[in-house]
Protein backbone atom coordinates (compact mmCIF):
# COMPACT_ATOMS: atom_id res chain seq x y z
CA MET A 1 142.70 50.71 107.40
CA ASP A 2 140.63 48.27 109.44
CA LEU A 3 138.09 47.21 106.81
CA LYS A 4 136.72 44.45 109.06
CA LYS A 5 135.62 47.08 111.57
CA TYR A 6 133.66 48.99 108.92
CA GLU A 7 132.30 45.78 107.44
CA LYS A 8 130.85 44.91 110.84
CA LEU A 9 129.46 48.42 111.42
CA ALA A 10 127.73 48.34 108.03
CA ALA A 11 126.45 44.79 108.62
CA LEU A 12 128.18 43.54 105.48
CA ASN A 13 129.51 40.10 104.70
CA LEU A 14 132.20 40.65 102.09
CA SER A 15 134.09 37.97 100.23
CA GLU A 16 137.89 38.08 100.16
CA GLU A 17 137.80 39.41 96.61
CA GLU A 18 135.36 42.19 97.58
CA GLU A 19 137.51 43.09 100.59
CA LYS A 20 140.61 43.44 98.40
CA ARG A 21 138.76 45.56 95.83
CA ILE A 22 137.12 47.82 98.41
CA SER A 23 140.33 48.19 100.38
CA LYS A 24 142.15 49.26 97.21
CA ASP A 25 139.34 51.70 96.30
CA LEU A 26 139.35 53.27 99.77
CA THR A 27 143.13 53.59 99.70
CA ASP A 28 142.90 55.32 96.31
CA ILE A 29 140.27 57.73 97.67
CA ILE A 30 142.37 58.58 100.73
CA ASN A 31 145.42 59.11 98.52
CA TYR A 32 143.39 61.45 96.31
CA PHE A 33 142.48 63.56 99.35
CA GLU A 34 146.16 63.72 100.27
CA ILE A 35 146.80 65.21 96.82
CA LEU A 36 143.99 67.73 97.35
CA LYS A 37 145.60 68.86 100.61
CA GLU A 38 148.49 70.20 98.52
CA VAL A 39 146.24 72.69 96.68
CA ASN A 40 146.93 76.27 97.75
CA THR A 41 143.66 77.78 98.97
CA ASP A 42 145.15 80.77 100.83
CA ASN A 43 143.26 83.42 98.81
CA VAL A 44 140.05 81.48 98.37
CA GLU A 45 136.99 82.57 100.34
CA PRO A 46 135.21 79.65 102.00
CA LEU A 47 131.75 78.98 100.60
CA VAL A 48 129.37 78.56 103.48
CA TYR A 49 126.09 79.48 101.83
CA THR A 50 124.95 79.37 98.26
CA LYS A 51 122.93 82.55 98.65
CA GLY A 52 121.72 83.65 95.30
CA ALA A 53 122.00 80.22 93.73
CA LYS A 54 119.08 79.49 91.46
CA LEU A 55 117.52 76.19 90.59
CA PHE A 56 116.81 76.08 86.88
CA MET A 57 113.91 73.86 86.00
CA ARG A 58 111.86 73.50 82.87
CA LYS A 59 108.25 74.61 82.85
CA ASP A 60 105.74 71.90 83.59
CA GLU A 61 103.95 71.77 80.28
CA LYS A 62 101.81 69.16 78.60
CA GLN A 63 103.78 67.30 75.95
CA LYS A 64 102.97 64.70 73.36
CA SER A 65 103.40 61.23 74.86
CA LEU A 66 104.34 57.92 73.29
CA ASN A 67 101.80 56.28 71.00
CA LYS A 68 100.25 53.48 73.06
CA GLU A 69 99.32 51.43 70.00
CA SER A 70 102.87 51.38 68.67
CA LEU A 71 104.15 50.36 72.11
CA LYS A 72 101.68 47.44 72.21
CA LYS A 73 103.49 45.94 69.21
CA ASN A 74 106.29 44.97 71.58
CA ARG A 75 104.06 42.48 73.46
CA GLU A 76 106.71 41.15 75.87
CA LEU A 77 106.93 44.63 77.46
CA PHE A 78 103.20 45.24 77.60
CA ASN A 79 100.69 43.61 79.94
CA GLY A 80 97.13 44.91 79.59
CA ASN A 81 97.31 48.60 80.40
CA PHE A 82 100.71 48.37 82.05
CA TYR A 83 104.34 48.15 80.96
CA LYS A 84 106.48 45.35 82.34
CA VAL A 85 109.75 46.45 83.91
CA LYS A 86 112.55 44.51 85.54
CA LYS A 87 112.03 43.93 89.27
CA ILE A 88 114.68 45.86 91.19
CA ILE A 89 113.51 45.67 94.82
CA GLY A 90 113.41 42.53 96.94
CA ASP A 91 113.07 38.94 95.86
């Protein structure tokens, strides 16, 4: 597998260690699909549509929320009327 080609297409800059790990993971995935090819599906109807499938969701009902005063006791997580959370996007 030419990992360098895919690294370039995805605009990645992988370290040698990352390349080895990803290469091994991809090889494992491809090998898994080779195992799946051996499964006999002769009498299995292909599933093209999920007609009749239902999405089960809970009712949107008002529920008791957390007690704001008890949450304020943990001051390092509370800032005025807002809760501090770890930054996950950008620098």
